[in-house]
Amino acid sequence: MRFHTRKWIKPEDLNPNSTLFGGRLLEWIDEEAALYAIIQLENSRTVTKFMSEINFRSSANKGDIIEIGLEVVKFGKTSLTLACEVRNKMTRETIITIDRIIMVSLDEHGTPKPHGKTQLEFVKDRLKD
């Protein structure tokens, strides 16, 4: 799994228990999954269709640094399925796992659009002369 993004837990990210608010973390995961899928599918009209069971395994506290990891599980005809793990950067303790996040490529009318991708691509490889 590649860990792409780090977040520093600040006071505004906390719940009444003074730990990371789950809704904030899900917001960050959804945004990261969208950015990842948009880059992979080369389509800015890519949206979240589905998230499987979300497993909160531990919490994060103010001042912690977390990192969000994503990996491709499957390329569909119009979709990209990702897995996600969020962990504490310093302790490597897993905070949350999501087995499947399905992102769908859309056309200008909001209809699922085949993307033609079958494997992971890196932007640096697309820029070859």
N, C-alpha and C. Protein backbone atom coordinates (compact mmCIF):
# COMPACT_ATOMS: atom_id res chain seq x y z
N MET A 1 0.86 -1.18 0.00
CA MET A 1 0.00 0.00 0.00
C MET A 1 0.90 1.23 0.00
N ARG A 2 0.53 2.21 -0.82
CA ARG A 2 1.27 3.47 -0.86
C ARG A 2 0.55 4.50 0.00
N PHE A 3 1.32 5.16 0.84
CA PHE A 3 0.75 6.19 1.71
C PHE A 3 1.06 7.54 1.09
N HIS A 4 0.01 8.23 0.64
CA HIS A 4 0.15 9.43 -0.17
C HIS A 4 0.04 10.73 0.61
N THR A 5 -0.76 10.74 1.63
CA THR A 5 -1.09 12.00 2.30
C THR A 5 -0.88 11.88 3.79
N ARG A 6 -0.38 12.96 4.36
CA ARG A 6 -0.25 13.04 5.82
C ARG A 6 -1.13 14.17 6.33
N LYS A 7 -1.70 13.95 7.49
CA LYS A 7 -2.53 14.97 8.14
C LYS A 7 -2.07 15.10 9.59
N TRP A 8 -2.05 16.33 10.05
CA TRP A 8 -1.70 16.63 11.44
C TRP A 8 -3.01 16.88 12.17
N ILE A 9 -3.25 16.14 13.24
CA ILE A 9 -4.51 16.25 13.97
C ILE A 9 -4.48 17.52 14.83
N LYS A 10 -5.42 18.43 14.53
CA LYS A 10 -5.50 19.73 15.21
C LYS A 10 -6.77 19.78 16.06
N PRO A 11 -6.88 20.75 16.94
CA PRO A 11 -8.06 20.84 17.83
C PRO A 11 -9.39 20.81 17.08
N GLU A 12 -9.47 21.44 15.92
CA GLU A 12 -10.74 21.48 15.18
C GLU A 12 -11.12 20.12 14.57
N ASP A 13 -10.21 19.14 14.62
CA ASP A 13 -10.47 17.80 14.07
C ASP A 13 -10.99 16.82 15.13
N LEU A 14 -11.16 17.28 16.37
CA LEU A 14 -11.49 16.39 17.48
C LEU A 14 -12.99 16.29 17.75
N ASN A 15 -13.38 15.17 18.30
CA ASN A 15 -14.76 14.95 18.74
C ASN A 15 -14.87 15.29 20.23
N PRO A 16 -16.06 15.16 20.84
CA PRO A 16 -16.20 15.48 22.26
C PRO A 16 -15.35 14.62 23.19
N ASN A 17 -14.84 13.49 22.67
CA ASN A 17 -13.96 12.62 23.46
C ASN A 17 -12.49 13.03 23.34
N SER A 18 -12.25 14.14 22.63
CA SER A 18 -10.89 14.66 22.39
C SER A 18 -10.02 13.73 21.56
N THR A 19 -10.66 12.91 20.71
CA THR A 19 -9.94 12.10 19.73
C THR A 19 -10.43 12.50 18.34
N LEU A 20 -9.75 12.02 17.33
CA LEU A 20 -10.09 12.39 15.96
C LEU A 20 -11.54 12.04 15.64
N PHE A 21 -12.30 13.02 15.15
CA PHE A 21 -13.68 12.84 14.74
C PHE A 21 -13.72 11.95 13.49
N GLY A 22 -14.49 10.86 13.56
CA GLY A 22 -14.56 9.92 12.45
C GLY A 22 -15.03 10.55 11.16
N GLY A 23 -15.96 11.48 11.25
CA GLY A 23 -16.46 12.16 10.05
C GLY A 23 -15.38 12.96 9.35
N ARG A 24 -14.51 13.57 10.11
CA ARG A 24 -13.39 14.33 9.51
C ARG A 24 -12.46 13.37 8.78
N LEU A 25 -12.16 12.24 9.42
CA LEU A 25 -11.28 11.27 8.79
C LEU A 25 -11.89 10.73 7.50
N LEU A 26 -13.20 10.43 7.51
CA LEU A 26 -13.85 9.94 6.30
C LEU A 26 -13.85 11.00 5.20
N GLU A 27 -13.98 12.26 5.57
CA GLU A 27 -13.88 13.35 4.59
C GLU A 27 -12.51 13.33 3.92
N TRP A 28 -11.46 13.20 4.72
CA TRP A 28 -10.09 13.16 4.17
C TRP A 28 -9.89 11.95 3.27
N ILE A 29 -10.41 10.79 3.69
CA ILE A 29 -10.28 9.57 2.88
C ILE A 29 -11.01 9.73 1.56
N ASP A 30 -12.23 10.25 1.60
CA ASP A 30 -13.01 10.42 0.37
C ASP A 30 -12.30 11.36 -0.60
N GLU A 31 -11.76 12.45 -0.08
CA GLU A 31 -11.03 13.38 -0.94
C GLU A 31 -9.78 12.73 -1.53
N GLU A 32 -9.04 12.01 -0.71
CA GLU A 32 -7.83 11.35 -1.20
C GLU A 32 -8.16 10.30 -2.26
N ALA A 33 -9.22 9.51 -2.02
CA ALA A 33 -9.64 8.49 -3.00
C ALA A 33 -10.06 9.15 -4.31
N ALA A 34 -10.77 10.26 -4.22
CA ALA A 34 -11.20 10.97 -5.43
C ALA A 34 -9.99 11.47 -6.22
N LEU A 35 -9.05 12.11 -5.53
CA LEU A 35 -7.85 12.61 -6.21
C LEU A 35 -7.08 11.47 -6.86
N TYR A 36 -6.92 10.39 -6.14
CA TYR A 36 -6.19 9.23 -6.66
C TYR A 36 -6.88 8.69 -7.92
N ALA A 37 -8.21 8.51 -7.85
CA ALA A 37 -8.96 7.97 -8.99
C ALA A 37 -8.95 8.93 -10.18
N ILE A 38 -9.10 10.21 -9.91
CA ILE A 38 -9.07 11.21 -11.00
C ILE A 38 -7.74 11.14 -11.75
N ILE A 39 -6.66 11.02 -11.02
CA ILE A 39 -5.35 10.94 -11.66
C ILE A 39 -5.20 9.63 -12.42
N GLN A 40 -5.62 8.52 -11.82
CA GLN A 40 -5.50 7.22 -12.49
C GLN A 40 -6.36 7.14 -13.74
N LEU A 41 -7.61 7.60 -13.63
CA LEU A 41 -8.56 7.46 -14.74
C LEU A 41 -8.49 8.63 -15.72
N GLU A 42 -7.72 9.66 -15.35
CA GLU A 42 -7.57 10.86 -16.19
C GLU A 42 -8.93 11.48 -16.53
N ASN A 43 -9.78 11.58 -15.49
CA ASN A 43 -11.11 12.15 -15.68
C ASN A 43 -11.49 12.89 -14.39
N SER A 44 -11.64 14.20 -14.49
CA SER A 44 -12.00 14.99 -13.31
C SER A 44 -13.45 14.76 -12.87
N ARG A 45 -14.24 14.10 -13.71
CA ARG A 45 -15.62 13.76 -13.34
C ARG A 45 -15.67 12.33 -12.79
N THR A 46 -14.94 12.11 -11.73
CA THR A 46 -14.90 10.81 -11.08
C THR A 46 -15.49 10.98 -9.68
N VAL A 47 -16.42 10.11 -9.32
CA VAL A 47 -17.15 10.27 -8.06
C VAL A 47 -17.12 8.99 -7.23
N THR A 48 -17.38 9.14 -5.94
CA THR A 48 -17.48 8.00 -5.04
C THR A 48 -18.84 7.34 -5.21
N LYS A 49 -18.84 6.05 -5.47
CA LYS A 49 -20.09 5.29 -5.59
C LYS A 49 -20.37 4.48 -4.33
N PHE A 50 -19.32 3.92 -3.70
CA PHE A 50 -19.54 2.96 -2.62
C PHE A 50 -18.32 2.90 -1.71
N MET A 51 -18.58 2.74 -0.42
CA MET A 51 -17.54 2.41 0.55
C MET A 51 -18.03 1.20 1.32
N SER A 52 -17.19 0.18 1.42
CA SER A 52 -17.56 -1.00 2.18
C SER A 52 -17.48 -0.71 3.68
N GLU A 53 -17.61 -1.73 4.47
CA GLU A 53 -17.54 -1.58 5.93
C GLU A 53 -16.29 -0.78 6.32
N ILE A 54 -16.49 0.14 7.21
CA ILE A 54 -15.41 0.99 7.71
C ILE A 54 -15.05 0.47 9.09
N ASN A 55 -13.81 0.06 9.25
CA ASN A 55 -13.38 -0.56 10.50
C ASN A 55 -12.46 0.39 11.26
N PHE A 56 -13.01 1.06 12.29
CA PHE A 56 -12.20 1.91 13.16
C PHE A 56 -11.47 0.99 14.14
N ARG A 57 -10.16 0.93 14.05
CA ARG A 57 -9.38 0.00 14.87
C ARG A 57 -8.69 0.69 16.05
N SER A 58 -8.39 1.95 15.92
CA SER A 58 -7.80 2.72 17.03
C SER A 58 -8.13 4.19 16.79
N SER A 59 -7.75 5.03 17.71
CA SER A 59 -8.05 6.46 17.55
C SER A 59 -6.77 7.26 17.38
N ALA A 60 -6.94 8.51 17.06
CA ALA A 60 -5.81 9.43 16.94
C ALA A 60 -6.11 10.62 17.85
N ASN A 61 -5.07 11.23 18.35
CA ASN A 61 -5.18 12.33 19.30
C ASN A 61 -4.60 13.62 18.73
N LYS A 62 -4.95 14.72 19.36
CA LYS A 62 -4.41 16.02 18.96
C LYS A 62 -2.88 15.93 18.92
N GLY A 63 -2.33 16.42 17.83
CA GLY A 63 -0.88 16.42 17.66
C GLY A 63 -0.35 15.22 16.91
N ASP A 64 -1.15 14.15 16.79
CA ASP A 64 -0.70 12.99 16.03
C ASP A 64 -0.60 13.34 14.55
N ILE A 65 0.27 12.65 13.87
CA ILE A 65 0.38 12.75 12.41
C ILE A 65 -0.10 11.41 11.87
N ILE A 66 -1.08 11.46 10.98
CA ILE A 66 -1.59 10.24 10.38
C ILE A 66 -1.25 10.25 8.90
N GLU A 67 -1.28 9.07 8.30
CA GLU A 67 -1.06 8.98 6.86
C GLU A 67 -2.13 8.09 6.25
N ILE A 68 -2.56 8.49 5.06
CA ILE A 68 -3.63 7.80 4.35
C ILE A 68 -3.02 7.01 3.21
N GLY A 69 -3.28 5.70 3.22
CA GLY A 69 -2.76 4.82 2.18
C GLY A 69 -3.87 4.27 1.32
N LEU A 70 -3.59 4.16 0.03
CA LEU A 70 -4.54 3.61 -0.93
C LEU A 70 -3.82 2.64 -1.84
N GLU A 71 -4.57 1.61 -2.28
CA GLU A 71 -4.04 0.73 -3.32
C GLU A 71 -5.18 0.29 -4.22
N VAL A 72 -4.85 0.04 -5.47
CA VAL A 72 -5.85 -0.40 -6.44
C VAL A 72 -6.15 -1.87 -6.19
N VAL A 73 -7.43 -2.17 -6.07
CA VAL A 73 -7.90 -3.55 -5.92
C VAL A 73 -8.31 -4.09 -7.29
N LYS A 74 -8.99 -3.24 -8.08
CA LYS A 74 -9.54 -3.71 -9.35
C LYS A 74 -9.89 -2.54 -10.26
N PHE A 75 -9.66 -2.74 -11.55
CA PHE A 75 -10.15 -1.83 -12.57
C PHE A 75 -11.41 -2.44 -13.17
N GLY A 76 -12.52 -1.70 -13.10
CA GLY A 76 -13.74 -2.12 -13.76
C GLY A 76 -13.85 -1.40 -15.09
N LYS A 77 -14.96 -1.58 -15.77
CA LYS A 77 -15.18 -0.92 -17.07
C LYS A 77 -15.29 0.60 -16.89
N THR A 78 -16.06 1.04 -15.90
CA THR A 78 -16.24 2.47 -15.64
C THR A 78 -15.74 2.87 -14.26
N SER A 79 -15.23 1.89 -13.51
CA SER A 79 -14.89 2.12 -12.11
C SER A 79 -13.45 1.77 -11.78
N LEU A 80 -13.07 2.20 -10.60
CA LEU A 80 -11.78 1.86 -10.00
C LEU A 80 -12.07 1.52 -8.54
N THR A 81 -11.67 0.33 -8.12
CA THR A 81 -11.88 -0.08 -6.73
C THR A 81 -10.57 0.04 -5.98
N LEU A 82 -10.63 0.73 -4.84
CA LEU A 82 -9.45 0.98 -4.02
C LEU A 82 -9.64 0.36 -2.64
N ALA A 83 -8.53 0.07 -1.96
CA ALA A 83 -8.53 -0.29 -0.54
C ALA A 83 -7.81 0.84 0.18
N CYS A 84 -8.16 1.05 1.44
CA CYS A 84 -7.59 2.16 2.20
C CYS A 84 -7.18 1.70 3.60
N GLU A 85 -6.06 2.23 4.04
CA GLU A 85 -5.62 2.07 5.43
C GLU A 85 -5.12 3.43 5.88
N VAL A 86 -5.52 3.83 7.07
CA VAL A 86 -4.99 5.04 7.70
C VAL A 86 -4.25 4.59 8.94
N ARG A 87 -3.05 5.12 9.10
CA ARG A 87 -2.25 4.72 10.26
C ARG A 87 -1.56 5.92 10.88
N ASN A 88 -1.15 5.74 12.11
CA ASN A 88 -0.37 6.75 12.82
C ASN A 88 1.03 6.73 12.22
N LYS A 89 1.50 7.86 11.77
CA LYS A 89 2.80 7.95 11.10
C LYS A 89 3.94 7.52 12.01
N MET A 90 3.87 7.88 13.27
CA MET A 90 4.99 7.61 14.18
C MET A 90 4.97 6.19 14.74
N THR A 91 3.79 5.68 15.11
CA THR A 91 3.71 4.36 15.74
C THR A 91 3.39 3.25 14.75
N ARG A 92 2.91 3.61 13.56
CA ARG A 92 2.45 2.69 12.52
C ARG A 92 1.19 1.91 12.92
N GLU A 93 0.54 2.31 14.01
CA GLU A 93 -0.68 1.66 14.43
C GLU A 93 -1.81 2.00 13.46
N THR A 94 -2.55 0.99 13.03
CA THR A 94 -3.66 1.19 12.10
C THR A 94 -4.81 1.87 12.82
N ILE A 95 -5.34 2.92 12.21
CA ILE A 95 -6.48 3.66 12.77
C ILE A 95 -7.77 3.20 12.13
N ILE A 96 -7.76 3.01 10.83
CA ILE A 96 -8.98 2.62 10.11
C ILE A 96 -8.59 1.81 8.87
N THR A 97 -9.46 0.87 8.49
CA THR A 97 -9.32 0.17 7.22
C THR A 97 -10.66 0.19 6.50
N ILE A 98 -10.58 0.28 5.18
CA ILE A 98 -11.75 0.17 4.31
C ILE A 98 -11.34 -0.76 3.18
N ASP A 99 -12.00 -1.89 3.05
CA ASP A 99 -11.60 -2.88 2.04
C ASP A 99 -11.90 -2.45 0.61
N ARG A 100 -13.03 -1.74 0.42
CA ARG A 100 -13.40 -1.35 -0.95
C ARG A 100 -14.00 0.05 -0.98
N ILE A 101 -13.40 0.87 -1.81
CA ILE A 101 -13.97 2.18 -2.15
C ILE A 101 -14.09 2.15 -3.67
N ILE A 102 -15.32 2.27 -4.17
CA ILE A 102 -15.53 2.23 -5.62
C ILE A 102 -15.74 3.64 -6.13
N MET A 103 -14.87 4.03 -7.04
CA MET A 103 -14.94 5.33 -7.70
C MET A 103 -15.38 5.10 -9.15
N VAL A 104 -16.28 5.95 -9.65
CA VAL A 104 -16.83 5.77 -11.00
C VAL A 104 -16.51 6.99 -11.86
N SER A 105 -16.05 6.71 -13.06
CA SER A 105 -15.75 7.73 -14.07
C SER A 105 -17.06 8.11 -14.78
N LEU A 106 -17.35 9.41 -14.86
CA LEU A 106 -18.59 9.89 -15.49
C LEU A 106 -18.29 10.72 -16.73
N ASP A 107 -19.27 10.77 -17.63
CA ASP A 107 -19.16 11.67 -18.78
C ASP A 107 -19.78 13.02 -18.41
N GLU A 108 -19.88 13.92 -19.38
CA GLU A 108 -20.37 15.28 -19.11
C GLU A 108 -21.85 15.32 -18.72
N HIS A 109 -22.56 14.20 -18.91
CA HIS A 109 -23.98 14.12 -18.54
C HIS A 109 -24.19 13.41 -17.20
N GLY A 110 -23.12 13.01 -16.56
CA GLY A 110 -23.23 12.32 -15.28
C GLY A 110 -23.49 10.83 -15.41
N THR A 111 -23.26 10.28 -16.59
CA THR A 111 -23.47 8.87 -16.86
C THR A 111 -22.13 8.14 -16.77
N PRO A 112 -22.10 6.93 -16.20
CA PRO A 112 -20.84 6.18 -16.16
C PRO A 112 -20.20 6.06 -17.53
N LYS A 113 -18.91 6.32 -17.58
CA LYS A 113 -18.17 6.38 -18.84
C LYS A 113 -17.00 5.38 -18.78
N PRO A 114 -16.89 4.49 -19.75
CA PRO A 114 -15.74 3.57 -19.77
C PRO A 114 -14.43 4.38 -19.81
N HIS A 115 -13.47 3.94 -19.01
CA HIS A 115 -12.21 4.69 -18.93
C HIS A 115 -11.08 4.03 -19.70
N GLY A 116 -11.20 2.76 -20.05
CA GLY A 116 -10.19 2.09 -20.85
C GLY A 116 -8.91 1.72 -20.11
N LYS A 117 -8.87 1.90 -18.81
CA LYS A 117 -7.66 1.59 -18.02
C LYS A 117 -7.73 0.16 -17.51
N THR A 118 -6.58 -0.51 -17.47
CA THR A 118 -6.54 -1.89 -16.98
C THR A 118 -5.45 -2.12 -15.95
N GLN A 119 -4.57 -1.15 -15.78
CA GLN A 119 -3.49 -1.32 -14.81
C GLN A 119 -3.06 0.03 -14.25
N LEU A 120 -2.40 -0.04 -13.12
CA LEU A 120 -1.88 1.14 -12.44
C LEU A 120 -0.88 1.87 -13.33
N GLU A 121 -1.04 3.18 -13.41
CA GLU A 121 -0.11 4.01 -14.18
C GLU A 121 0.44 5.11 -13.28
N PHE A 122 1.66 5.47 -13.53
CA PHE A 122 2.27 6.58 -12.82
C PHE A 122 2.38 7.76 -13.77
N VAL A 123 2.10 8.95 -13.28
CA VAL A 123 2.13 10.15 -14.12
C VAL A 123 3.48 10.29 -14.81
N LYS A 124 4.56 9.99 -14.10
CA LYS A 124 5.91 10.13 -14.69
C LYS A 124 6.06 9.27 -15.94
N ASP A 125 5.37 8.13 -15.99
CA ASP A 125 5.45 7.26 -17.18
C ASP A 125 4.64 7.81 -18.35
N ARG A 126 3.62 8.61 -18.05
CA ARG A 126 2.81 9.21 -19.11
C ARG A 126 3.56 10.35 -19.79
N LEU A 127 4.54 10.91 -19.11
CA LEU A 127 5.25 12.09 -19.60
C LEU A 127 6.50 11.75 -20.39
N LYS A 128 6.73 10.48 -20.69
CA LYS A 128 7.91 10.09 -21.45
C LYS A 128 7.86 10.70 -22.84
N ASP A 129 9.05 11.03 -23.33
CA ASP A 129 9.15 11.62 -24.69
C ASP A 129 8.88 10.62 -25.76
